[in-house]
Amino acid sequence: MSSLSTDELAREFDGFMSRAGLTIPAGRRAAVLASYADFRAQIDLLHGRQDHTGEPAHIFALPCLGDA
């Protein structure tokens, strides 16, 4: 997971929004910032080291219908 503190995450978010020229309304900032924190956590999860046991192959077999 991200090693950023809440304040660091907010500063990073504000910097990205500023560079993008976006203004987040004050009433929505907390919700958007929480979404950004979740987004960062997902990025950290996806970029983490994964091995073959993390997502086993999906194997299925069709039932035998006999001599139909």
N, C-alpha and C. Protein backbone atom coordinates (compact mmCIF):
# COMPACT_ATOMS: atom_id res chain seq x y z
N MET A 1 0.83 -1.18 0.00
CA MET A 1 0.00 0.00 0.00
C MET A 1 0.88 1.24 0.00
N SER A 2 0.21 2.37 -0.22
CA SER A 2 0.93 3.63 -0.30
C SER A 2 1.53 4.00 1.04
N SER A 3 2.73 4.53 1.01
CA SER A 3 3.38 4.94 2.25
C SER A 3 3.14 6.42 2.53
N LEU A 4 2.26 7.06 1.77
CA LEU A 4 1.99 8.48 1.97
C LEU A 4 1.05 8.69 3.14
N SER A 5 1.32 9.75 3.93
CA SER A 5 0.40 10.12 5.01
C SER A 5 -0.82 10.80 4.38
N THR A 6 -1.82 11.03 5.19
CA THR A 6 -3.04 11.69 4.70
C THR A 6 -2.73 13.08 4.15
N ASP A 7 -1.86 13.82 4.86
CA ASP A 7 -1.49 15.16 4.41
C ASP A 7 -0.69 15.12 3.11
N GLU A 8 0.22 14.16 3.00
CA GLU A 8 1.01 14.03 1.77
C GLU A 8 0.13 13.65 0.60
N LEU A 9 -0.82 12.76 0.84
CA LEU A 9 -1.75 12.35 -0.21
C LEU A 9 -2.58 13.55 -0.67
N ALA A 10 -3.04 14.36 0.27
CA ALA A 10 -3.83 15.56 -0.08
C ALA A 10 -2.99 16.55 -0.87
N ARG A 11 -1.73 16.74 -0.49
CA ARG A 11 -0.86 17.65 -1.24
C ARG A 11 -0.61 17.13 -2.66
N GLU A 12 -0.39 15.83 -2.79
CA GLU A 12 -0.18 15.23 -4.11
C GLU A 12 -1.44 15.43 -4.97
N PHE A 13 -2.60 15.14 -4.39
CA PHE A 13 -3.87 15.31 -5.09
C PHE A 13 -4.06 16.76 -5.53
N ASP A 14 -3.82 17.70 -4.63
CA ASP A 14 -3.97 19.12 -4.96
C ASP A 14 -3.02 19.52 -6.09
N GLY A 15 -1.80 18.99 -6.06
CA GLY A 15 -0.84 19.29 -7.13
C GLY A 15 -1.30 18.76 -8.48
N PHE A 16 -1.83 17.53 -8.49
CA PHE A 16 -2.32 16.97 -9.75
C PHE A 16 -3.51 17.78 -10.28
N MET A 17 -4.41 18.15 -9.39
CA MET A 17 -5.59 18.91 -9.82
C MET A 17 -5.17 20.28 -10.34
N SER A 18 -4.21 20.90 -9.68
CA SER A 18 -3.71 22.21 -10.11
C SER A 18 -3.06 22.13 -11.48
N ARG A 19 -2.20 21.13 -11.67
CA ARG A 19 -1.55 20.96 -12.98
C ARG A 19 -2.55 20.68 -14.09
N ALA A 20 -3.63 19.99 -13.74
CA ALA A 20 -4.66 19.67 -14.74
C ALA A 20 -5.61 20.84 -14.96
N GLY A 21 -5.51 21.88 -14.13
CA GLY A 21 -6.39 23.03 -14.26
C GLY A 21 -7.80 22.77 -13.76
N LEU A 22 -7.94 21.80 -12.84
CA LEU A 22 -9.25 21.43 -12.32
C LEU A 22 -9.46 22.05 -10.94
N THR A 23 -10.67 22.49 -10.70
CA THR A 23 -11.05 23.00 -9.38
C THR A 23 -12.12 22.09 -8.81
N ILE A 24 -11.84 21.51 -7.67
CA ILE A 24 -12.79 20.62 -7.01
C ILE A 24 -13.61 21.46 -6.03
N PRO A 25 -14.93 21.46 -6.16
CA PRO A 25 -15.76 22.22 -5.21
C PRO A 25 -15.50 21.77 -3.77
N ALA A 26 -15.50 22.71 -2.85
CA ALA A 26 -15.18 22.42 -1.45
C ALA A 26 -16.11 21.36 -0.87
N GLY A 27 -17.37 21.35 -1.26
CA GLY A 27 -18.31 20.36 -0.74
C GLY A 27 -18.06 18.95 -1.24
N ARG A 28 -17.29 18.82 -2.29
CA ARG A 28 -17.01 17.50 -2.86
C ARG A 28 -15.58 17.04 -2.64
N ARG A 29 -14.75 17.91 -2.11
CA ARG A 29 -13.32 17.60 -1.99
C ARG A 29 -13.06 16.35 -1.15
N ALA A 30 -13.73 16.22 -0.02
CA ALA A 30 -13.49 15.07 0.86
C ALA A 30 -13.81 13.76 0.15
N ALA A 31 -14.92 13.72 -0.59
CA ALA A 31 -15.30 12.49 -1.30
C ALA A 31 -14.32 12.19 -2.44
N VAL A 32 -13.93 13.23 -3.17
CA VAL A 32 -13.00 13.02 -4.29
C VAL A 32 -11.63 12.62 -3.76
N LEU A 33 -11.21 13.20 -2.66
CA LEU A 33 -9.92 12.84 -2.07
C LEU A 33 -9.94 11.39 -1.57
N ALA A 34 -11.05 10.96 -0.99
CA ALA A 34 -11.18 9.56 -0.55
C ALA A 34 -11.11 8.62 -1.76
N SER A 35 -11.73 9.02 -2.86
CA SER A 35 -11.67 8.22 -4.09
C SER A 35 -10.24 8.16 -4.62
N TYR A 36 -9.54 9.28 -4.54
CA TYR A 36 -8.15 9.31 -4.98
C TYR A 36 -7.28 8.39 -4.13
N ALA A 37 -7.52 8.38 -2.82
CA ALA A 37 -6.76 7.49 -1.93
C ALA A 37 -7.01 6.03 -2.30
N ASP A 38 -8.26 5.69 -2.60
CA ASP A 38 -8.59 4.33 -3.02
C ASP A 38 -7.92 4.00 -4.36
N PHE A 39 -7.92 4.97 -5.27
CA PHE A 39 -7.27 4.80 -6.57
C PHE A 39 -5.78 4.52 -6.39
N ARG A 40 -5.13 5.28 -5.50
CA ARG A 40 -3.70 5.05 -5.24
C ARG A 40 -3.46 3.66 -4.66
N ALA A 41 -4.34 3.22 -3.77
CA ALA A 41 -4.20 1.89 -3.18
C ALA A 41 -4.32 0.81 -4.26
N GLN A 42 -5.23 1.00 -5.21
CA GLN A 42 -5.39 0.03 -6.30
C GLN A 42 -4.16 0.02 -7.19
N ILE A 43 -3.59 1.18 -7.47
CA ILE A 43 -2.37 1.25 -8.27
C ILE A 43 -1.24 0.51 -7.57
N ASP A 44 -1.10 0.75 -6.26
CA ASP A 44 -0.05 0.06 -5.50
C ASP A 44 -0.25 -1.45 -5.54
N LEU A 45 -1.50 -1.88 -5.45
CA LEU A 45 -1.80 -3.31 -5.50
C LEU A 45 -1.45 -3.90 -6.86
N LEU A 46 -1.79 -3.20 -7.92
CA LEU A 46 -1.52 -3.70 -9.27
C LEU A 46 -0.04 -3.72 -9.61
N HIS A 47 0.72 -2.78 -9.05
CA HIS A 47 2.14 -2.71 -9.35
C HIS A 47 2.99 -3.51 -8.38
N GLY A 48 2.34 -4.14 -7.41
CA GLY A 48 3.07 -4.99 -6.47
C GLY A 48 3.50 -6.28 -7.15
N ARG A 49 4.39 -6.97 -6.50
CA ARG A 49 4.86 -8.23 -7.06
C ARG A 49 3.76 -9.28 -6.94
N GLN A 50 3.48 -9.94 -8.01
CA GLN A 50 2.46 -10.98 -8.04
C GLN A 50 3.12 -12.29 -8.45
N ASP A 51 2.67 -13.38 -7.88
CA ASP A 51 3.17 -14.67 -8.32
C ASP A 51 2.01 -15.48 -8.90
N HIS A 52 2.29 -16.65 -9.36
CA HIS A 52 1.29 -17.46 -10.04
C HIS A 52 0.15 -17.90 -9.13
N THR A 53 0.36 -17.86 -7.81
CA THR A 53 -0.70 -18.28 -6.90
C THR A 53 -1.71 -17.18 -6.64
N GLY A 54 -1.40 -15.96 -7.03
CA GLY A 54 -2.30 -14.85 -6.79
C GLY A 54 -3.59 -14.94 -7.57
N GLU A 55 -3.53 -15.50 -8.73
CA GLU A 55 -4.73 -15.65 -9.54
C GLU A 55 -4.62 -16.96 -10.32
N PRO A 56 -5.08 -18.05 -9.72
CA PRO A 56 -4.95 -19.34 -10.40
C PRO A 56 -5.77 -19.38 -11.68
N ALA A 57 -5.34 -20.20 -12.59
CA ALA A 57 -6.04 -20.34 -13.86
C ALA A 57 -7.44 -20.88 -13.63
N HIS A 58 -8.34 -20.43 -14.44
CA HIS A 58 -9.72 -20.92 -14.37
C HIS A 58 -9.82 -22.14 -15.29
N ILE A 59 -10.12 -23.27 -14.70
CA ILE A 59 -10.22 -24.51 -15.46
C ILE A 59 -11.61 -25.07 -15.26
N PHE A 60 -12.23 -25.46 -16.33
CA PHE A 60 -13.56 -26.05 -16.21
C PHE A 60 -13.64 -27.25 -17.14
N ALA A 61 -14.56 -28.10 -16.84
CA ALA A 61 -14.80 -29.28 -17.68
C ALA A 61 -16.27 -29.38 -18.00
N LEU A 62 -16.57 -29.67 -19.23
CA LEU A 62 -17.95 -29.85 -19.64
C LEU A 62 -18.44 -31.23 -19.21
N PRO A 63 -19.65 -31.34 -18.75
CA PRO A 63 -20.14 -32.65 -18.33
C PRO A 63 -20.29 -33.59 -19.52
N CYS A 64 -20.01 -34.84 -19.28
CA CYS A 64 -20.16 -35.86 -20.33
C CYS A 64 -21.63 -36.19 -20.46
N LEU A 65 -22.15 -36.14 -21.68
CA LEU A 65 -23.58 -36.42 -21.91
C LEU A 65 -23.82 -37.88 -22.30
N GLY A 66 -22.81 -38.68 -22.25
CA GLY A 66 -22.96 -40.09 -22.58
C GLY A 66 -23.03 -40.32 -24.10
N ASP A 67 -23.82 -41.23 -24.53
CA ASP A 67 -23.93 -41.57 -25.96
C ASP A 67 -25.08 -40.81 -26.61
N ALA A 68 -25.27 -39.61 -26.31
CA ALA A 68 -26.40 -38.85 -26.85
C ALA A 68 -26.32 -38.61 -28.31
